[in-house]
Amino acid sequence: MVSGNARARRFYERHGWIDTGLIDYLAATEEGSVSIPAHRYNKRVTQNADKEQR
């Protein structure tokens, strides 16, 4: 997720996602790849996650 997108970052953090740090995301363009600084978010998934959301 792009660093400046504070609204999206709050959304993911409220739903249990954890910011694990900055990465360089290579976005494809017609002229080639462009490096975009972004945050990587992870969330632990359990077997009971399906049952909890029902």
PDB file of N, CA and C in Angstrom:
ATOM      1  N   MET A   1       0.838  -1.149   0.000  1.00  0.00           N
ATOM      2  CA  MET A   1       0.000   0.000   0.000  1.00  0.00           C
ATOM      3  C   MET A   1       0.895   1.227   0.000  1.00  0.00           C
ATOM      4  N   VAL A   2       0.530   2.213  -0.770  1.00  0.00           N
ATOM      5  CA  VAL A   2       1.320   3.429  -0.898  1.00  0.00           C
ATOM      6  C   VAL A   2       1.353   4.160   0.441  1.00  0.00           C
ATOM      7  N   SER A   3       2.523   4.664   0.816  1.00  0.00           N
ATOM      8  CA  SER A   3       2.736   5.300   2.116  1.00  0.00           C
ATOM      9  C   SER A   3       1.749   6.423   2.425  1.00  0.00           C
ATOM     10  N   GLY A   4       1.408   7.244   1.454  1.00  0.00           N
ATOM     11  CA  GLY A   4       0.553   8.393   1.696  1.00  0.00           C
ATOM     12  C   GLY A   4      -0.922   8.081   1.854  1.00  0.00           C
ATOM     13  N   ASN A   5      -1.336   6.836   1.716  1.00  0.00           N
ATOM     14  CA  ASN A   5      -2.746   6.476   1.786  1.00  0.00           C
ATOM     15  C   ASN A   5      -3.138   6.156   3.233  1.00  0.00           C
ATOM     16  N   ALA A   6      -3.230   7.202   4.050  1.00  0.00           N
ATOM     17  CA  ALA A   6      -3.490   7.035   5.481  1.00  0.00           C
ATOM     18  C   ALA A   6      -4.843   6.384   5.747  1.00  0.00           C
ATOM     19  N   ARG A   7      -5.850   6.698   4.950  1.00  0.00           N
ATOM     20  CA  ARG A   7      -7.185   6.129   5.159  1.00  0.00           C
ATOM     21  C   ARG A   7      -7.157   4.612   4.982  1.00  0.00           C
ATOM     22  N   ALA A   8      -6.510   4.148   3.936  1.00  0.00           N
ATOM     23  CA  ALA A   8      -6.418   2.699   3.701  1.00  0.00           C
ATOM     24  C   ALA A   8      -5.579   2.034   4.787  1.00  0.00           C
ATOM     25  N   ARG A   9      -4.507   2.686   5.205  1.00  0.00           N
ATOM     26  CA  ARG A   9      -3.673   2.101   6.264  1.00  0.00           C
ATOM     27  C   ARG A   9      -4.471   1.911   7.548  1.00  0.00           C
ATOM     28  N   ARG A  10      -5.280   2.913   7.926  1.00  0.00           N
ATOM     29  CA  ARG A  10      -6.120   2.793   9.127  1.00  0.00           C
ATOM     30  C   ARG A  10      -7.119   1.646   8.976  1.00  0.00           C
ATOM     31  N   PHE A  11      -7.716   1.526   7.791  1.00  0.00           N
ATOM     32  CA  PHE A  11      -8.677   0.446   7.544  1.00  0.00           C
ATOM     33  C   PHE A  11      -8.035  -0.919   7.790  1.00  0.00           C
ATOM     34  N   TYR A  12      -6.894  -1.161   7.181  1.00  0.00           N
ATOM     35  CA  TYR A  12      -6.241  -2.464   7.327  1.00  0.00           C
ATOM     36  C   TYR A  12      -5.808  -2.712   8.763  1.00  0.00           C
ATOM     37  N   GLU A  13      -5.273  -1.695   9.426  1.00  0.00           N
ATOM     38  CA  GLU A  13      -4.829  -1.870  10.805  1.00  0.00           C
ATOM     39  C   GLU A  13      -6.005  -2.164  11.738  1.00  0.00           C
ATOM     40  N   ARG A  14      -7.163  -1.542  11.487  1.00  0.00           N
ATOM     41  CA  ARG A  14      -8.370  -1.824  12.285  1.00  0.00           C
ATOM     42  C   ARG A  14      -8.841  -3.261  12.117  1.00  0.00           C
ATOM     43  N   HIS A  15      -8.538  -3.853  10.978  1.00  0.00           N
ATOM     44  CA  HIS A  15      -8.990  -5.214  10.698  1.00  0.00           C
ATOM     45  C   HIS A  15      -7.904  -6.264  10.927  1.00  0.00           C
ATOM     46  N   GLY A  16      -6.916  -5.924  11.735  1.00  0.00           N
ATOM     47  CA  GLY A  16      -5.929  -6.906  12.170  1.00  0.00           C
ATOM     48  C   GLY A  16      -4.702  -7.078  11.301  1.00  0.00           C
ATOM     49  N   TRP A  17      -4.554  -6.268  10.246  1.00  0.00           N
ATOM     50  CA  TRP A  17      -3.370  -6.348   9.399  1.00  0.00           C
ATOM     51  C   TRP A  17      -2.225  -5.606  10.079  1.00  0.00           C
ATOM     52  N   ILE A  18      -1.009  -6.113   9.920  1.00  0.00           N
ATOM     53  CA  ILE A  18       0.173  -5.533  10.552  1.00  0.00           C
ATOM     54  C   ILE A  18       1.137  -5.031   9.482  1.00  0.00           C
ATOM     55  N   ASP A  19       1.557  -3.775   9.638  1.00  0.00           N
ATOM     56  CA  ASP A  19       2.531  -3.178   8.728  1.00  0.00           C
ATOM     57  C   ASP A  19       3.891  -3.789   9.024  1.00  0.00           C
ATOM     58  N   THR A  20       4.448  -4.522   8.062  1.00  0.00           N
ATOM     59  CA  THR A  20       5.739  -5.178   8.272  1.00  0.00           C
ATOM     60  C   THR A  20       6.892  -4.416   7.637  1.00  0.00           C
ATOM     61  N   GLY A  21       6.610  -3.212   7.138  1.00  0.00           N
ATOM     62  CA  GLY A  21       7.700  -2.370   6.649  1.00  0.00           C
ATOM     63  C   GLY A  21       7.561  -1.951   5.199  1.00  0.00           C
ATOM     64  N   LEU A  22       8.501  -1.124   4.801  1.00  0.00           N
ATOM     65  CA  LEU A  22       8.520  -0.584   3.448  1.00  0.00           C
ATOM     66  C   LEU A  22       9.106  -1.574   2.447  1.00  0.00           C
ATOM     67  N   ILE A  23       8.562  -1.543   1.245  1.00  0.00           N
ATOM     68  CA  ILE A  23       9.090  -2.324   0.124  1.00  0.00           C
ATOM     69  C   ILE A  23       9.108  -1.428  -1.105  1.00  0.00           C
ATOM     70  N   ASP A  24       9.850  -1.803  -2.104  1.00  0.00           N
ATOM     71  CA  ASP A  24       9.800  -1.133  -3.397  1.00  0.00           C
ATOM     72  C   ASP A  24       8.951  -1.989  -4.320  1.00  0.00           C
ATOM     73  N   TYR A  25       7.778  -1.489  -4.666  1.00  0.00           N
ATOM     74  CA  TYR A  25       6.866  -2.192  -5.568  1.00  0.00           C
ATOM     75  C   TYR A  25       7.174  -1.767  -6.991  1.00  0.00           C
ATOM     76  N   LEU A  26       7.428  -2.726  -7.868  1.00  0.00           N
ATOM     77  CA  LEU A  26       7.723  -2.416  -9.264  1.00  0.00           C
ATOM     78  C   LEU A  26       6.425  -2.456 -10.070  1.00  0.00           C
ATOM     79  N   ALA A  27       5.941  -1.273 -10.443  1.00  0.00           N
ATOM     80  CA  ALA A  27       4.716  -1.156 -11.222  1.00  0.00           C
ATOM     81  C   ALA A  27       5.060  -1.129 -12.700  1.00  0.00           C
ATOM     82  N   ALA A  28       4.356  -1.924 -13.482  1.00  0.00           N
ATOM     83  CA  ALA A  28       4.598  -1.995 -14.927  1.00  0.00           C
ATOM     84  C   ALA A  28       3.954  -0.800 -15.626  1.00  0.00           C
ATOM     85  N   THR A  29       4.686  -0.192 -16.548  1.00  0.00           N
ATOM     86  CA  THR A  29       4.165   0.883 -17.390  1.00  0.00           C
ATOM     87  C   THR A  29       4.525   0.559 -18.837  1.00  0.00           C
ATOM     88  N   GLU A  30       4.019   1.343 -19.749  1.00  0.00           N
ATOM     89  CA  GLU A  30       4.358   1.128 -21.156  1.00  0.00           C
ATOM     90  C   GLU A  30       5.848   1.350 -21.412  1.00  0.00           C
ATOM     91  N   GLU A  31       6.471   2.209 -20.613  1.00  0.00           N
ATOM     92  CA  GLU A  31       7.897   2.512 -20.785  1.00  0.00           C
ATOM     93  C   GLU A  31       8.812   1.599 -19.974  1.00  0.00           C
ATOM     94  N   GLY A  32       8.235   0.717 -19.178  1.00  0.00           N
ATOM     95  CA  GLY A  32       9.028  -0.175 -18.331  1.00  0.00           C
ATOM     96  C   GLY A  32       8.526  -0.108 -16.898  1.00  0.00           C
ATOM     97  N   SER A  33       9.299  -0.606 -15.973  1.00  0.00           N
ATOM     98  CA  SER A  33       8.903  -0.640 -14.567  1.00  0.00           C
ATOM     99  C   SER A  33       9.253   0.655 -13.857  1.00  0.00           C
ATOM    100  N   VAL A  34       8.397   1.007 -12.877  1.00  0.00           N
ATOM    101  CA  VAL A  34       8.623   2.163 -12.022  1.00  0.00           C
ATOM    102  C   VAL A  34       8.603   1.674 -10.587  1.00  0.00           C
ATOM    103  N   SER A  35       9.600   2.061  -9.805  1.00  0.00           N
ATOM    104  CA  SER A  35       9.672   1.668  -8.406  1.00  0.00           C
ATOM    105  C   SER A  35       8.809   2.612  -7.566  1.00  0.00           C
ATOM    106  N   ILE A  36       7.883   2.027  -6.799  1.00  0.00           N
ATOM    107  CA  ILE A  36       6.994   2.806  -5.945  1.00  0.00           C
ATOM    108  C   ILE A  36       7.169   2.342  -4.507  1.00  0.00           C
ATOM    109  N   PRO A  37       7.560   3.255  -3.605  1.00  0.00           N
ATOM    110  CA  PRO A  37       7.674   2.864  -2.197  1.00  0.00           C
ATOM    111  C   PRO A  37       6.289   2.540  -1.637  1.00  0.00           C
ATOM    112  N   ALA A  38       6.162   1.403  -0.986  1.00  0.00           N
ATOM    113  CA  ALA A  38       4.871   0.964  -0.456  1.00  0.00           C
ATOM    114  C   ALA A  38       5.093   0.211   0.855  1.00  0.00           C
ATOM    115  N   HIS A  39       4.024   0.047   1.606  1.00  0.00           N
ATOM    116  CA  HIS A  39       4.075  -0.723   2.845  1.00  0.00           C
ATOM    117  C   HIS A  39       3.513  -2.111   2.584  1.00  0.00           C
ATOM    118  N   ARG A  40       4.146  -3.104   3.163  1.00  0.00           N
ATOM    119  CA  ARG A  40       3.644  -4.492   3.073  1.00  0.00           C
ATOM    120  C   ARG A  40       2.865  -4.777   4.352  1.00  0.00           C
ATOM    121  N   TYR A  41       1.660  -5.285   4.183  1.00  0.00           N
ATOM    122  CA  TYR A  41       0.815  -5.659   5.317  1.00  0.00           C
ATOM    123  C   TYR A  41       0.614  -7.163   5.317  1.00  0.00           C
ATOM    124  N   ASN A  42       0.669  -7.757   6.500  1.00  0.00           N
ATOM    125  CA  ASN A  42       0.443  -9.192   6.674  1.00  0.00           C
ATOM    126  C   ASN A  42      -0.653  -9.399   7.700  1.00  0.00           C
ATOM    127  N   LYS A  43      -1.342 -10.526   7.572  1.00  0.00           N
ATOM    128  CA  LYS A  43      -2.353 -10.899   8.551  1.00  0.00           C
ATOM    129  C   LYS A  43      -2.266 -12.394   8.769  1.00  0.00           C
ATOM    130  N   ARG A  44      -2.271 -12.777  10.025  1.00  0.00           N
ATOM    131  CA  ARG A  44      -2.227 -14.196  10.358  1.00  0.00           C
ATOM    132  C   ARG A  44      -3.596 -14.814  10.062  1.00  0.00           C
ATOM    133  N   VAL A  45      -3.599 -15.931   9.377  1.00  0.00           N
ATOM    134  CA  VAL A  45      -4.830 -16.628   9.022  1.00  0.00           C
ATOM    135  C   VAL A  45      -4.878 -17.930   9.808  1.00  0.00           C
ATOM    136  N   THR A  46      -6.029 -18.195  10.406  1.00  0.00           N
ATOM    137  CA  THR A  46      -6.190 -19.428  11.174  1.00  0.00           C
ATOM    138  C   THR A  46      -7.301 -20.265  10.560  1.00  0.00           C
ATOM    139  N   GLN A  47      -7.389 -21.507  10.970  1.00  0.00           N
ATOM    140  CA  GLN A  47      -8.440 -22.390  10.470  1.00  0.00           C
ATOM    141  C   GLN A  47      -9.806 -21.905  10.913  1.00  0.00           C
ATOM    142  N   ASN A  48      -9.899 -21.249  12.056  1.00  0.00           N
ATOM    143  CA  ASN A  48     -11.176 -20.806  12.593  1.00  0.00           C
ATOM    144  C   ASN A  48     -11.626 -19.473  12.021  1.00  0.00           C
ATOM    145  N   ALA A  49     -10.832 -18.841  11.207  1.00  0.00           N
ATOM    146  CA  ALA A  49     -11.184 -17.518  10.669  1.00  0.00           C
ATOM    147  C   ALA A  49     -12.492 -17.560   9.897  1.00  0.00           C
ATOM    148  N   ASP A  50     -12.728 -18.624   9.143  1.00  0.00           N
ATOM    149  CA  ASP A  50     -13.969 -18.761   8.379  1.00  0.00           C
ATOM    150  C   ASP A  50     -15.177 -18.821   9.312  1.00  0.00           C
ATOM    151  N   LYS A  51     -15.067 -19.596  10.370  1.00  0.00           N
ATOM    152  CA  LYS A  51     -16.184 -19.767  11.306  1.00  0.00           C
ATOM    153  C   LYS A  51     -16.479 -18.481  12.072  1.00  0.00           C
ATOM    154  N   GLU A  52     -15.423 -17.697  12.404  1.00  0.00           N
ATOM    155  CA  GLU A  52     -15.599 -16.476  13.184  1.00  0.00           C
ATOM    156  C   GLU A  52     -16.375 -15.429  12.414  1.00  0.00           C
ATOM    157  N   GLN A  53     -16.283 -15.411  11.094  1.00  0.00           N
ATOM    158  CA  GLN A  53     -16.924 -14.376  10.289  1.00  0.00           C
ATOM    159  C   GLN A  53     -18.362 -14.730   9.928  1.00  0.00           C
ATOM    160  N   ARG A  54     -18.824 -15.877  10.266  1.00  0.00           N
ATOM    161  CA  ARG A  54     -20.201 -16.291   9.929  1.00  0.00           C
ATOM    162  C   ARG A  54     -21.180 -15.809  10.943  1.00  0.00           C
TER     163      ARG A  54
END
